[in-house]
Amino acid sequence: DQKLFFSNKEFVIKKNEKIQTEISKKFTFNTFSSLTKSAGWKVKKYWFDKNKHYSIFLLQNQ
């Protein structure tokens, strides 16, 4: 077992207990484009996998 202390609270993780280590956020093309534009960037080029589950974006400073 492992004890963790955070904000004056004790948490115990039992041996072999599963814990979540990642949260991945997903965006549509339009949502991501709007988000980058609001941050001062524009989408110059993009690539998708054949199922459009994954993408890579090349951004350019506006």
PDB file of N, CA and C in Angstrom:
ATOM      1  N   ASP A   1       0.839  -1.195   0.000  1.00  0.00           N
ATOM      2  CA  ASP A   1       0.000   0.000   0.000  1.00  0.00           C
ATOM      3  C   ASP A   1       0.880   1.254   0.000  1.00  0.00           C
ATOM      4  N   GLN A   2       0.317   2.346  -0.510  1.00  0.00           N
ATOM      5  CA  GLN A   2       1.049   3.614  -0.584  1.00  0.00           C
ATOM      6  C   GLN A   2       0.169   4.711  -0.004  1.00  0.00           C
ATOM      7  N   LYS A   3       0.726   5.507   0.908  1.00  0.00           N
ATOM      8  CA  LYS A   3      -0.009   6.635   1.478  1.00  0.00           C
ATOM      9  C   LYS A   3       0.428   7.925   0.798  1.00  0.00           C
ATOM     10  N   LEU A   4      -0.535   8.756   0.456  1.00  0.00           N
ATOM     11  CA  LEU A   4      -0.278  10.063  -0.140  1.00  0.00           C
ATOM     12  C   LEU A   4      -0.923  11.122   0.736  1.00  0.00           C
ATOM     13  N   PHE A   5      -0.271  12.264   0.851  1.00  0.00           N
ATOM     14  CA  PHE A   5      -0.833  13.377   1.609  1.00  0.00           C
ATOM     15  C   PHE A   5      -0.968  14.565   0.675  1.00  0.00           C
ATOM     16  N   PHE A   6      -2.178  15.093   0.592  1.00  0.00           N
ATOM     17  CA  PHE A   6      -2.465  16.215  -0.292  1.00  0.00           C
ATOM     18  C   PHE A   6      -3.481  17.108   0.387  1.00  0.00           C
ATOM     19  N   SER A   7      -3.162  18.401   0.513  1.00  0.00           N
ATOM     20  CA  SER A   7      -4.048  19.377   1.167  1.00  0.00           C
ATOM     21  C   SER A   7      -4.489  18.888   2.543  1.00  0.00           C
ATOM     22  N   ASN A   8      -3.526  18.434   3.318  1.00  0.00           N
ATOM     23  CA  ASN A   8      -3.770  17.958   4.681  1.00  0.00           C
ATOM     24  C   ASN A   8      -4.730  16.777   4.753  1.00  0.00           C
ATOM     25  N   LYS A   9      -4.842  16.025   3.674  1.00  0.00           N
ATOM     26  CA  LYS A   9      -5.671  14.818   3.660  1.00  0.00           C
ATOM     27  C   LYS A   9      -4.799  13.629   3.297  1.00  0.00           C
ATOM     28  N   GLU A  10      -5.124  12.499   3.882  1.00  0.00           N
ATOM     29  CA  GLU A  10      -4.386  11.275   3.590  1.00  0.00           C
ATOM     30  C   GLU A  10      -5.188  10.407   2.625  1.00  0.00           C
ATOM     31  N   PHE A  11      -4.504   9.908   1.603  1.00  0.00           N
ATOM     32  CA  PHE A  11      -5.111   8.998   0.636  1.00  0.00           C
ATOM     33  C   PHE A  11      -4.273   7.728   0.626  1.00  0.00           C
ATOM     34  N   VAL A  12      -4.941   6.596   0.596  1.00  0.00           N
ATOM     35  CA  VAL A  12      -4.239   5.314   0.567  1.00  0.00           C
ATOM     36  C   VAL A  12      -4.566   4.613  -0.746  1.00  0.00           C
ATOM     37  N   ILE A  13      -3.522   4.228  -1.455  1.00  0.00           N
ATOM     38  CA  ILE A  13      -3.675   3.434  -2.673  1.00  0.00           C
ATOM     39  C   ILE A  13      -3.264   2.012  -2.309  1.00  0.00           C
ATOM     40  N   LYS A  14      -4.202   1.104  -2.446  1.00  0.00           N
ATOM     41  CA  LYS A  14      -3.958  -0.298  -2.104  1.00  0.00           C
ATOM     42  C   LYS A  14      -3.081  -0.968  -3.162  1.00  0.00           C
ATOM     43  N   LYS A  15      -2.347  -1.959  -2.746  1.00  0.00           N
ATOM     44  CA  LYS A  15      -1.530  -2.731  -3.679  1.00  0.00           C
ATOM     45  C   LYS A  15      -2.430  -3.280  -4.788  1.00  0.00           C
ATOM     46  N   ASN A  16      -1.989  -3.110  -6.043  1.00  0.00           N
ATOM     47  CA  ASN A  16      -2.706  -3.555  -7.252  1.00  0.00           C
ATOM     48  C   ASN A  16      -3.979  -2.766  -7.548  1.00  0.00           C
ATOM     49  N   GLU A  17      -4.224  -1.692  -6.814  1.00  0.00           N
ATOM     50  CA  GLU A  17      -5.394  -0.857  -7.107  1.00  0.00           C
ATOM     51  C   GLU A  17      -5.136  -0.084  -8.398  1.00  0.00           C
ATOM     52  N   LYS A  18      -6.137   0.001  -9.250  1.00  0.00           N
ATOM     53  CA  LYS A  18      -6.004   0.749 -10.495  1.00  0.00           C
ATOM     54  C   LYS A  18      -6.280   2.221 -10.230  1.00  0.00           C
ATOM     55  N   ILE A  19      -5.454   3.090 -10.840  1.00  0.00           N
ATOM     56  CA  ILE A  19      -5.662   4.532 -10.718  1.00  0.00           C
ATOM     57  C   ILE A  19      -5.637   5.155 -12.113  1.00  0.00           C
ATOM     58  N   GLN A  20      -6.405   6.203 -12.275  1.00  0.00           N
ATOM     59  CA  GLN A  20      -6.436   6.918 -13.555  1.00  0.00           C
ATOM     60  C   GLN A  20      -5.270   7.889 -13.585  1.00  0.00           C
ATOM     61  N   THR A  21      -4.481   7.855 -14.658  1.00  0.00           N
ATOM     62  CA  THR A  21      -3.294   8.701 -14.754  1.00  0.00           C
ATOM     63  C   THR A  21      -3.367   9.738 -15.858  1.00  0.00           C
ATOM     64  N   GLU A  22      -4.427   9.698 -16.671  1.00  0.00           N
ATOM     65  CA  GLU A  22      -4.491  10.628 -17.800  1.00  0.00           C
ATOM     66  C   GLU A  22      -5.934  10.926 -18.159  1.00  0.00           C
ATOM     67  N   ILE A  23      -6.168  12.164 -18.578  1.00  0.00           N
ATOM     68  CA  ILE A  23      -7.432  12.565 -19.185  1.00  0.00           C
ATOM     69  C   ILE A  23      -7.074  13.224 -20.507  1.00  0.00           C
ATOM     70  N   SER A  24      -7.626  12.721 -21.573  1.00  0.00           N
ATOM     71  CA  SER A  24      -7.330  13.251 -22.896  1.00  0.00           C
ATOM     72  C   SER A  24      -8.554  13.974 -23.431  1.00  0.00           C
ATOM     73  N   LYS A  25      -8.372  15.213 -23.848  1.00  0.00           N
ATOM     74  CA  LYS A  25      -9.477  16.020 -24.375  1.00  0.00           C
ATOM     75  C   LYS A  25      -9.511  15.913 -25.885  1.00  0.00           C
ATOM     76  N   LYS A  26     -10.689  15.883 -26.411  1.00  0.00           N
ATOM     77  CA  LYS A  26     -10.872  15.776 -27.855  1.00  0.00           C
ATOM     78  C   LYS A  26     -11.547  17.031 -28.389  1.00  0.00           C
ATOM     79  N   PHE A  27     -11.149  17.447 -29.557  1.00  0.00           N
ATOM     80  CA  PHE A  27     -11.709  18.627 -30.202  1.00  0.00           C
ATOM     81  C   PHE A  27     -12.085  18.295 -31.636  1.00  0.00           C
ATOM     82  N   THR A  28     -13.147  18.897 -32.120  1.00  0.00           N
ATOM     83  CA  THR A  28     -13.449  18.814 -33.545  1.00  0.00           C
ATOM     84  C   THR A  28     -12.495  19.754 -34.269  1.00  0.00           C
ATOM     85  N   PHE A  29     -12.412  19.613 -35.581  1.00  0.00           N
ATOM     86  CA  PHE A  29     -11.561  20.503 -36.365  1.00  0.00           C
ATOM     87  C   PHE A  29     -11.965  21.959 -36.139  1.00  0.00           C
ATOM     88  N   ASN A  30     -13.268  22.259 -36.216  1.00  0.00           N
ATOM     89  CA  ASN A  30     -13.741  23.641 -36.060  1.00  0.00           C
ATOM     90  C   ASN A  30     -13.475  24.186 -34.664  1.00  0.00           C
ATOM     91  N   THR A  31     -13.674  23.364 -33.635  1.00  0.00           N
ATOM     92  CA  THR A  31     -13.416  23.806 -32.266  1.00  0.00           C
ATOM     93  C   THR A  31     -11.939  24.116 -32.077  1.00  0.00           C
ATOM     94  N   PHE A  32     -11.069  23.233 -32.565  1.00  0.00           N
ATOM     95  CA  PHE A  32      -9.635  23.450 -32.426  1.00  0.00           C
ATOM     96  C   PHE A  32      -9.198  24.685 -33.202  1.00  0.00           C
ATOM     97  N   SER A  33      -9.712  24.876 -34.406  1.00  0.00           N
ATOM     98  CA  SER A  33      -9.373  26.057 -35.212  1.00  0.00           C
ATOM     99  C   SER A  33      -9.780  27.339 -34.500  1.00  0.00           C
ATOM    100  N   SER A  34     -10.972  27.357 -33.915  1.00  0.00           N
ATOM    101  CA  SER A  34     -11.436  28.537 -33.176  1.00  0.00           C
ATOM    102  C   SER A  34     -10.573  28.793 -31.950  1.00  0.00           C
ATOM    103  N   LEU A  35     -10.215  27.730 -31.257  1.00  0.00           N
ATOM    104  CA  LEU A  35      -9.376  27.850 -30.066  1.00  0.00           C
ATOM    105  C   LEU A  35      -8.012  28.431 -30.414  1.00  0.00           C
ATOM    106  N   THR A  36      -7.393  27.931 -31.481  1.00  0.00           N
ATOM    107  CA  THR A  36      -6.082  28.445 -31.867  1.00  0.00           C
ATOM    108  C   THR A  36      -6.176  29.892 -32.348  1.00  0.00           C
ATOM    109  N   LYS A  37      -7.246  30.225 -33.055  1.00  0.00           N
ATOM    110  CA  LYS A  37      -7.431  31.601 -33.535  1.00  0.00           C
ATOM    111  C   LYS A  37      -7.545  32.570 -32.361  1.00  0.00           C
ATOM    112  N   SER A  38      -8.277  32.178 -31.327  1.00  0.00           N
ATOM    113  CA  SER A  38      -8.433  33.053 -30.160  1.00  0.00           C
ATOM    114  C   SER A  38      -7.119  33.230 -29.403  1.00  0.00           C
ATOM    115  N   ALA A  39      -6.172  32.314 -29.619  1.00  0.00           N
ATOM    116  CA  ALA A  39      -4.859  32.404 -28.975  1.00  0.00           C
ATOM    117  C   ALA A  39      -3.824  33.081 -29.871  1.00  0.00           C
ATOM    118  N   GLY A  40      -4.262  33.587 -31.040  1.00  0.00           N
ATOM    119  CA  GLY A  40      -3.347  34.300 -31.923  1.00  0.00           C
ATOM    120  C   GLY A  40      -2.653  33.433 -32.956  1.00  0.00           C
ATOM    121  N   TRP A  41      -3.170  32.241 -33.219  1.00  0.00           N
ATOM    122  CA  TRP A  41      -2.586  31.324 -34.185  1.00  0.00           C
ATOM    123  C   TRP A  41      -3.611  30.998 -35.261  1.00  0.00           C
ATOM    124  N   LYS A  42      -3.136  30.526 -36.400  1.00  0.00           N
ATOM    125  CA  LYS A  42      -4.048  30.023 -37.428  1.00  0.00           C
ATOM    126  C   LYS A  42      -3.536  28.679 -37.920  1.00  0.00           C
ATOM    127  N   VAL A  43      -4.455  27.853 -38.363  1.00  0.00           N
ATOM    128  CA  VAL A  43      -4.102  26.534 -38.883  1.00  0.00           C
ATOM    129  C   VAL A  43      -3.565  26.712 -40.293  1.00  0.00           C
ATOM    130  N   LYS A  44      -2.292  26.371 -40.478  1.00  0.00           N
ATOM    131  CA  LYS A  44      -1.671  26.483 -41.795  1.00  0.00           C
ATOM    132  C   LYS A  44      -1.851  25.192 -42.593  1.00  0.00           C
ATOM    133  N   LYS A  45      -1.737  24.047 -41.909  1.00  0.00           N
ATOM    134  CA  LYS A  45      -1.890  22.750 -42.561  1.00  0.00           C
ATOM    135  C   LYS A  45      -2.288  21.737 -41.495  1.00  0.00           C
ATOM    136  N   TYR A  46      -2.950  20.681 -41.908  1.00  0.00           N
ATOM    137  CA  TYR A  46      -3.352  19.650 -40.955  1.00  0.00           C
ATOM    138  C   TYR A  46      -3.396  18.288 -41.639  1.00  0.00           C
ATOM    139  N   TRP A  47      -3.268  17.247 -40.818  1.00  0.00           N
ATOM    140  CA  TRP A  47      -3.293  15.874 -41.296  1.00  0.00           C
ATOM    141  C   TRP A  47      -4.176  15.053 -40.359  1.00  0.00           C
ATOM    142  N   PHE A  48      -4.959  14.130 -40.931  1.00  0.00           N
ATOM    143  CA  PHE A  48      -5.796  13.221 -40.157  1.00  0.00           C
ATOM    144  C   PHE A  48      -5.421  11.782 -40.491  1.00  0.00           C
ATOM    145  N   ASP A  49      -5.664  10.864 -39.545  1.00  0.00           N
ATOM    146  CA  ASP A  49      -5.561   9.451 -39.886  1.00  0.00           C
ATOM    147  C   ASP A  49      -6.797   9.077 -40.707  1.00  0.00           C
ATOM    148  N   LYS A  50      -6.818   7.897 -41.268  1.00  0.00           N
ATOM    149  CA  LYS A  50      -7.900   7.523 -42.191  1.00  0.00           C
ATOM    150  C   LYS A  50      -9.277   7.508 -41.530  1.00  0.00           C
ATOM    151  N   ASN A  51      -9.345   7.299 -40.220  1.00  0.00           N
ATOM    152  CA  ASN A  51     -10.633   7.294 -39.512  1.00  0.00           C
ATOM    153  C   ASN A  51     -10.976   8.640 -38.872  1.00  0.00           C
ATOM    154  N   LYS A  52     -10.074   9.600 -39.022  1.00  0.00           N
ATOM    155  CA  LYS A  52     -10.215  10.931 -38.414  1.00  0.00           C
ATOM    156  C   LYS A  52     -10.352  10.864 -36.886  1.00  0.00           C
ATOM    157  N   HIS A  53      -9.612   9.931 -36.286  1.00  0.00           N
ATOM    158  CA  HIS A  53      -9.557   9.849 -34.830  1.00  0.00           C
ATOM    159  C   HIS A  53      -8.386  10.658 -34.276  1.00  0.00           C
ATOM    160  N   TYR A  54      -7.350  10.829 -35.077  1.00  0.00           N
ATOM    161  CA  TYR A  54      -6.137  11.527 -34.654  1.00  0.00           C
ATOM    162  C   TYR A  54      -5.770  12.561 -35.703  1.00  0.00           C
ATOM    163  N   SER A  55      -5.130  13.632 -35.246  1.00  0.00           N
ATOM    164  CA  SER A  55      -4.723  14.672 -36.195  1.00  0.00           C
ATOM    165  C   SER A  55      -3.464  15.365 -35.713  1.00  0.00           C
ATOM    166  N   ILE A  56      -2.800  16.001 -36.651  1.00  0.00           N
ATOM    167  CA  ILE A  56      -1.633  16.843 -36.376  1.00  0.00           C
ATOM    168  C   ILE A  56      -1.887  18.163 -37.086  1.00  0.00           C
ATOM    169  N   PHE A  57      -1.633  19.258 -36.396  1.00  0.00           N
ATOM    170  CA  PHE A  57      -1.852  20.586 -36.959  1.00  0.00           C
ATOM    171  C   PHE A  57      -0.545  21.359 -37.004  1.00  0.00           C
ATOM    172  N   LEU A  58      -0.307  22.038 -38.108  1.00  0.00           N
ATOM    173  CA  LEU A  58       0.791  22.986 -38.228  1.00  0.00           C
ATOM    174  C   LEU A  58       0.168  24.365 -38.062  1.00  0.00           C
ATOM    175  N   LEU A  59       0.614  25.101 -37.049  1.00  0.00           N
ATOM    176  CA  LEU A  59       0.043  26.414 -36.754  1.00  0.00           C
ATOM    177  C   LEU A  59       1.018  27.514 -37.126  1.00  0.00           C
ATOM    178  N   GLN A  60       0.474  28.681 -37.454  1.00  0.00           N
ATOM    179  CA  GLN A  60       1.282  29.851 -37.784  1.00  0.00           C
ATOM    180  C   GLN A  60       0.777  31.017 -36.956  1.00  0.00           C
ATOM    181  N   ASN A  61       1.715  31.803 -36.432  1.00  0.00           N
ATOM    182  CA  ASN A  61       1.355  32.995 -35.664  1.00  0.00           C
ATOM    183  C   ASN A  61       0.649  33.985 -36.581  1.00  0.00           C
ATOM    184  N   GLN A  62      -0.468  34.540 -36.137  1.00  0.00           N
ATOM    185  CA  GLN A  62      -1.224  35.500 -36.964  1.00  0.00           C
ATOM    186  C   GLN A  62      -0.550  36.850 -36.984  1.00  0.00           C
TER     187      GLN A  62
END
